[in-house]
């Protein structure tokens, strides 16, 4: 079976490594890819946890989504100049990754400060625990899942050139303790900090007109939606929050209690999904809409206090 495979040499008759071809080959320590191969499919090497290095030949043009995700032993990667297409989450969960390098002849991508960047779109495709996002204006967006499950990442500075942060960009970054959103950011995707169990501080630059922070909550101004929270969040009581957004506190495993204050009218899908330490929640009678899956996976929840009448709750 795949779990006992330790070494493999792919014959030079092979042109494509298919989707999930070596998925879960946990004992694989060495693989040789010939330069006949042009494509590495999605999740091709996912969960090859014993793989410490891999040579991508200068024939590969395409690397699919999650191709090397959860390769926990992988310490460095070099993208050759032949690569013209890289999917999202390609190094998601690569907890030992400290070096991302792109061949200088590559015209589509380049690397800077251990960040993989798409040149034309100025998009940070993927990062790792040692990444420092360039501050020279060369990065304007962070792609979805760029740092997803980078569990060794302790801090990151988002420069004031970034306008867009994709969904799940920092999800599962369990060692990340604080984040500051600069005033340039106008778009933030869902679940951007889901599963960030150590996150204690969420700050938004005061000049940002689209978002603000209060009580360590990230809030979208126009919709009055709480986009993201963390274990220290206290939801504002001044009416600045009308809605708890989808996945706002999802995977916040260190959150123990929360109060949904007066003024909040709705709680979105999976808002407290897998908040495994959440023991109590107090919900104001202003809340008129709660999705049935809001507390899915809240295994420690013993107390839900609704401050309205039984008739209101039954509605």
Protein backbone atom coordinates (compact mmCIF):
# COMPACT_ATOMS: atom_id res chain seq x y z
CA UNK A 1 0.00 0.00 0.00
CA UNK A 2 0.90 3.66 -0.34
CA UNK A 3 1.62 4.10 3.39
CA UNK A 4 4.61 1.69 3.21
CA UNK A 5 6.14 3.16 0.03
CA UNK A 6 9.48 4.82 0.89
CA UNK A 7 11.18 5.64 -2.42
CA UNK A 8 9.95 5.93 -5.99
CA UNK A 9 11.39 6.82 -9.36
CA UNK A 10 8.79 7.85 -11.93
CA UNK A 11 9.62 6.50 -15.41
CA UNK A 12 10.29 9.04 -18.15
CA UNK A 13 7.29 7.81 -20.10
CA UNK A 14 5.04 9.67 -17.63
CA UNK A 15 3.83 13.15 -18.61
CA UNK A 16 1.30 13.90 -15.86
CA UNK A 17 1.20 13.18 -12.14
CA UNK A 18 -2.51 12.79 -11.60
CA UNK A 19 -4.72 14.31 -8.92
CA UNK A 20 -4.03 12.65 -5.51
CA UNK A 21 -1.47 10.30 -7.14
CA UNK A 22 0.65 9.99 -3.97
CA UNK A 23 -1.89 11.34 -1.49
CA UNK A 24 -1.20 10.05 2.03
CA UNK A 25 2.04 8.22 1.21
CA UNK A 26 3.25 8.92 4.75
CA UNK A 27 6.47 6.85 4.51
CA UNK A 28 7.66 8.33 1.22
CA UNK A 29 11.07 9.96 1.80
CA UNK A 30 12.37 10.25 -1.77
CA UNK A 31 10.82 10.74 -5.17
CA UNK A 32 12.47 11.36 -8.52
CA UNK A 33 10.40 13.15 -11.15
CA UNK A 34 11.73 12.98 -14.73
CA UNK A 35 11.66 15.98 -17.07
CA UNK A 36 9.01 14.25 -19.17
CA UNK A 37 6.42 15.34 -16.59
CA UNK A 38 4.66 18.63 -17.35
CA UNK A 39 1.86 18.68 -14.76
CA UNK A 40 1.52 17.96 -11.05
CA UNK A 41 -2.15 17.48 -10.22
CA UNK A 42 -4.08 18.78 -7.23
CA UNK A 43 -3.29 17.08 -3.88
CA UNK A 44 -0.72 14.93 -5.75
CA UNK A 45 1.66 14.81 -2.77
CA UNK A 46 -0.72 15.88 0.03
CA UNK A 47 0.09 14.30 3.40
CA UNK A 48 3.43 12.89 2.25
CA UNK A 49 4.59 13.70 5.77
CA UNK A 50 8.06 12.08 5.54
CA UNK A 51 9.09 13.92 2.37
CA UNK A 52 11.79 16.44 3.35
CA UNK A 53 12.69 17.69 -0.13
CA UNK A 54 11.46 17.37 -3.68
CA UNK A 55 13.07 18.40 -6.95
CA UNK A 56 10.58 19.88 -9.39
CA UNK A 57 12.09 19.50 -12.87
CA UNK A 58 12.24 22.34 -15.37
CA UNK A 59 9.51 20.73 -17.47
CA UNK A 60 6.61 21.28 -15.08
CA UNK A 61 4.21 23.98 -16.29
CA UNK A 62 1.30 23.43 -13.90
CA UNK A 63 1.02 22.70 -10.16
CA UNK A 64 -2.52 22.03 -8.93
CA UNK A 65 -4.40 23.09 -5.79
CA UNK A 66 -2.99 21.65 -2.54
CA UNK A 67 -0.31 19.75 -4.49
CA UNK A 68 2.07 19.66 -1.50
CA UNK A 69 -0.36 20.43 1.31
CA UNK A 70 0.44 18.93 4.71
CA UNK A 71 3.91 17.79 3.66
CA UNK A 72 4.98 18.42 7.24
CA UNK A 73 8.62 17.44 6.67
CA UNK A 74 9.19 19.64 3.63
CA UNK A 75 11.73 22.34 4.54
CA UNK A 76 12.32 24.07 1.21
CA UNK A 77 10.94 24.26 -2.31
CA UNK A 78 12.24 25.68 -5.58
CA UNK A 79 9.84 26.53 -8.43
CA UNK A 80 11.56 26.22 -11.82
CA UNK A 81 11.24 28.76 -14.64
CA UNK A 82 8.92 26.47 -16.64
CA UNK A 83 5.99 26.82 -14.20
CA UNK A 84 3.20 29.10 -15.46
CA UNK A 85 0.25 27.98 -13.30
CA UNK A 86 0.11 27.39 -9.52
CA UNK A 87 -3.10 26.56 -7.65
CA UNK A 88 -4.19 27.75 -4.22
CA UNK A 89 -3.19 26.15 -0.93
CA UNK A 90 -0.21 24.51 -2.62
CA UNK A 91 1.85 24.56 0.62
CA UNK A 92 -1.03 24.65 3.08
CA UNK A 93 -0.08 22.86 6.31
CA UNK A 94 3.63 22.59 5.45
CA UNK A 95 4.63 23.28 9.04
CA UNK A 96 8.42 22.89 8.50
CA UNK A 97 8.66 24.98 5.33
CA UNK A 98 11.18 27.81 5.75
CA UNK A 99 12.31 28.49 2.17
CA UNK A 100 10.33 29.28 -0.98
CA UNK A 101 12.44 30.07 -4.04
CA UNK A 102 11.51 30.74 -7.66
CA UNK A 103 14.02 30.47 -10.49
CA UNK A 104 14.97 33.98 -11.60
CA UNK A 105 14.17 33.16 -15.25
CA UNK A 106 10.50 32.50 -14.43
CA UNK A 107 8.42 35.25 -16.05
CA UNK A 108 5.10 34.44 -14.34
CA UNK A 109 6.20 34.12 -10.68
CA UNK A 110 9.01 35.26 -8.43
CA UNK A 111 9.98 34.87 -4.79
CA UNK A 112 10.81 37.55 -2.26
CA UNK A 113 11.41 37.11 1.49
CA UNK A 114 10.13 33.51 1.21
CA UNK A 115 6.88 34.58 -0.41
CA UNK A 116 5.69 33.15 -3.73
CA UNK A 117 4.29 36.03 -5.79
CA UNK A 118 2.48 36.18 -9.12
CA UNK A 119 4.20 39.01 -10.98
CA UNK A 120 1.42 40.43 -13.19
CA UNK A 121 -1.32 40.46 -10.55
CA UNK A 122 0.95 41.34 -7.59
CA UNK A 123 -0.69 38.46 -5.71
CA UNK A 124 1.00 36.61 -2.87
CA UNK A 125 0.20 33.00 -3.80
CA UNK A 126 1.80 31.21 -0.88
CA UNK A 127 3.90 31.89 2.19
CA UNK A 128 5.58 30.00 5.01
CA UNK A 129 6.67 30.49 8.62
CA UNK A 130 9.65 32.71 7.66
CA UNK A 131 7.77 34.88 5.16
CA UNK A 132 8.02 38.65 5.29
CA UNK A 133 5.59 40.31 2.88
CA UNK A 134 7.49 42.87 0.76
CA UNK A 135 6.75 46.49 1.64
CA UNK A 136 7.75 47.98 -1.73
CA UNK A 137 4.25 47.86 -3.21
CA UNK A 138 4.90 44.64 -5.13
CA UNK A 139 2.10 42.81 -3.29
CA UNK A 140 -1.47 44.14 -3.53
CA UNK A 141 -3.44 40.99 -2.75
CA UNK A 142 -3.07 37.86 -0.63
CA UNK A 143 -4.63 34.85 -2.31
CA UNK A 144 -7.08 32.54 -0.57
CA UNK A 145 -5.33 30.04 1.74
CA UNK A 146 -1.93 31.68 1.15
CA UNK A 147 -0.82 30.94 4.74
CA UNK A 148 -3.50 28.36 5.56
CA UNK A 149 -2.49 26.00 8.39
CA UNK A 150 0.98 27.51 8.59
CA UNK A 151 1.04 26.44 12.22
CA UNK A 152 4.59 27.71 12.88
CA UNK A 153 3.82 31.29 11.79
CA UNK A 154 3.98 33.51 14.89
CA UNK A 155 3.68 36.96 13.35
CA UNK A 156 3.14 38.64 10.01
CA UNK A 157 2.95 42.27 8.90
CA UNK A 158 0.51 43.11 6.12
CA UNK A 159 1.97 46.11 4.30
CA UNK A 160 -0.02 49.18 3.34
CA UNK A 161 -0.16 48.18 -0.33
CA UNK A 162 -2.43 45.17 0.16
CA UNK A 163 -6.04 45.85 -0.87
CA UNK A 164 -7.44 42.31 -0.79
CA UNK A 165 -7.09 39.34 1.58
CA UNK A 166 -8.64 36.12 0.27
CA UNK A 167 -10.80 33.68 2.20
CA UNK A 168 -9.03 31.30 4.60
CA UNK A 169 -5.80 33.27 4.00
CA UNK A 170 -4.58 32.74 7.58
CA UNK A 171 -6.95 29.98 8.68
CA UNK A 172 -5.42 27.42 11.01
CA UNK A 173 -2.39 29.59 11.85
CA UNK A 174 -2.49 28.31 15.41
CA UNK A 175 0.63 30.19 16.60
CA UNK A 176 -0.37 33.62 15.23
CA UNK A 177 -0.96 35.95 18.20
CA UNK A 178 -1.81 39.31 16.62
CA UNK A 179 -2.78 40.87 13.32
CA UNK A 180 -3.07 44.43 12.06
CA UNK A 181 -5.13 45.28 8.98
CA UNK A 182 -3.71 48.34 7.18
CA UNK A 183 -5.82 51.20 5.83
CA UNK A 184 -5.33 50.01 2.21
CA UNK A 185 -7.42 46.82 2.67
CA UNK A 186 -10.89 47.04 1.11
CA UNK A 187 -11.77 43.34 0.74
CA UNK A 188 -11.49 40.50 3.27
CA UNK A 189 -12.75 36.99 2.53
CA UNK A 190 -14.64 34.70 4.91
CA UNK A 191 -12.91 32.55 7.52
CA UNK A 192 -9.73 34.58 7.16
CA UNK A 193 -8.65 33.83 10.76
CA UNK A 194 -10.68 30.69 11.46
CA UNK A 195 -8.82 28.24 13.67
CA UNK A 196 -6.31 30.85 14.87
CA UNK A 197 -6.45 29.56 18.46
CA UNK A 198 -3.67 31.84 19.81
CA UNK A 199 -4.96 35.07 18.27
CA UNK A 200 -5.50 37.67 21.01
CA UNK A 201 -5.32 40.96 19.12
CA UNK A 202 -7.12 42.11 15.97
CA UNK A 203 -6.40 45.72 15.02
CA UNK A 204 -7.45 47.81 12.04
CA UNK A 205 -5.66 51.00 11.07
CA UNK A 206 -7.81 53.98 12.04
CA UNK A 207 -7.58 55.42 8.52
CA UNK A 208 -9.29 52.37 7.00
CA UNK A 209 -12.75 53.43 5.76
CA UNK A 210 -14.10 49.93 4.99
CA UNK A 211 -13.33 48.13 8.25
CA UNK A 212 -12.65 48.94 11.89
CA UNK A 213 -11.71 47.02 15.00
CA UNK A 214 -13.29 47.16 18.46
CA UNK A 215 -12.95 44.73 21.34
CA UNK A 216 -10.59 42.63 19.20
CA UNK A 217 -13.33 42.17 16.63
CA UNK A 218 -12.94 42.89 12.91
CA UNK A 219 -16.04 44.75 11.72
CA UNK A 220 -17.20 45.77 8.23
CA UNK A 221 -18.52 49.33 8.53
CA UNK A 222 -21.20 49.48 5.84
CA UNK A 223 -22.94 46.23 6.77
CA UNK A 224 -22.12 46.35 10.50
CA UNK A 225 -20.99 42.75 10.21
CA UNK A 226 -18.49 41.18 12.59
CA UNK A 227 -16.18 39.48 10.08
CA UNK A 228 -13.74 37.85 12.50
CA UNK A 229 -13.16 37.47 16.20
CA UNK A 230 -10.65 35.79 18.49
CA UNK A 231 -10.39 34.35 21.99
CA UNK A 232 -10.28 37.82 23.65
CA UNK A 233 -13.13 39.34 21.63
CA UNK A 234 -15.84 41.35 23.34
CA UNK A 235 -18.60 42.22 20.89
CA UNK A 236 -19.30 45.99 20.99
CA UNK A 237 -22.53 47.09 22.65
CA UNK A 238 -22.78 50.45 20.85
CA UNK A 239 -24.85 49.20 17.92
CA UNK A 240 -21.86 49.00 15.56
CA UNK A 241 -22.49 45.27 15.08
CA UNK A 242 -25.81 44.08 13.60
CA UNK A 243 -24.72 40.69 12.35
CA UNK A 244 -22.20 38.01 13.34
CA UNK A 245 -20.81 36.92 9.99
CA UNK A 246 -20.36 33.45 8.55
CA UNK A 247 -17.51 31.55 10.28
CA UNK A 248 -16.68 34.65 12.36
CA UNK A 249 -15.40 32.66 15.37
CA UNK A 250 -15.09 29.25 13.70
CA UNK A 251 -12.30 27.09 15.07
CA UNK A 252 -11.54 29.59 17.85
CA UNK A 253 -10.76 26.71 20.20
CA UNK A 254 -9.57 29.00 23.03
CA UNK A 255 -12.82 31.02 23.28
CA UNK A 256 -14.54 30.13 26.59
CA UNK A 257 -17.54 32.49 26.71
CA UNK A 258 -19.18 35.23 24.67
CA UNK A 259 -22.08 37.65 24.95
CA UNK A 260 -24.13 38.60 21.90
CA UNK A 261 -25.22 42.11 22.92
CA UNK A 262 -28.33 44.17 22.31
CA UNK A 263 -28.39 45.43 18.73
CA UNK A 264 -27.23 42.24 17.06
CA UNK A 265 -30.08 40.82 14.97
CA UNK A 266 -28.55 37.78 13.29
CA UNK A 267 -25.88 35.10 13.62
CA UNK A 268 -24.57 33.58 10.38
CA UNK A 269 -23.66 30.10 9.22
CA UNK A 270 -21.12 28.23 11.37
CA UNK A 271 -20.33 31.43 13.32
CA UNK A 272 -19.07 29.45 16.34
CA UNK A 273 -18.26 26.21 14.54
CA UNK A 274 -15.81 24.02 16.49
CA UNK A 275 -15.32 26.48 19.36
CA UNK A 276 -14.49 23.46 21.51
CA UNK A 277 -13.77 25.41 24.73
CA UNK A 278 -16.93 27.54 24.58
CA UNK A 279 -18.90 26.71 27.73
CA UNK A 280 -21.46 29.50 27.85
CA UNK A 281 -23.07 32.06 25.56
CA UNK A 282 -25.54 34.83 26.31
CA UNK A 283 -27.80 35.97 23.49
CA UNK A 284 -29.71 39.26 23.54
CA UNK A 285 -33.42 39.34 22.68
CA UNK A 286 -32.60 41.57 19.70
CA UNK A 287 -31.36 38.45 17.86
CA UNK A 288 -34.13 37.25 15.55
CA UNK A 289 -32.16 34.92 13.26
CA UNK A 290 -29.87 32.07 14.31
CA UNK A 291 -28.74 29.42 11.86
CA UNK A 292 -29.15 25.84 13.09
CA UNK A 293 -25.46 25.08 12.57
CA UNK A 294 -24.14 28.06 14.55
CA UNK A 295 -22.86 25.93 17.46
CA UNK A 296 -21.86 22.85 15.46
CA UNK A 297 -18.88 21.17 17.15
CA UNK A 298 -19.14 23.23 20.36
CA UNK A 299 -18.56 20.13 22.47
CA UNK A 300 -18.13 21.98 25.81
CA UNK A 301 -21.22 24.21 25.52
CA UNK A 302 -23.33 23.72 28.64
CA UNK A 303 -25.17 27.04 28.95
CA UNK A 304 -27.11 29.11 26.41
CA UNK A 305 -28.84 32.10 27.97
CA UNK A 306 -31.42 33.88 25.84
CA UNK A 307 -32.41 37.24 27.29
CA UNK A 308 -35.82 37.32 25.63
CA UNK A 309 -39.07 35.47 26.21
CA UNK A 310 -39.78 31.83 25.45
CA UNK A 311 -42.17 32.97 22.70
CA UNK A 312 -39.37 34.98 21.07
CA UNK A 313 -37.00 32.01 21.23
CA UNK A 314 -39.57 29.70 19.66
CA UNK A 315 -39.98 32.06 16.75
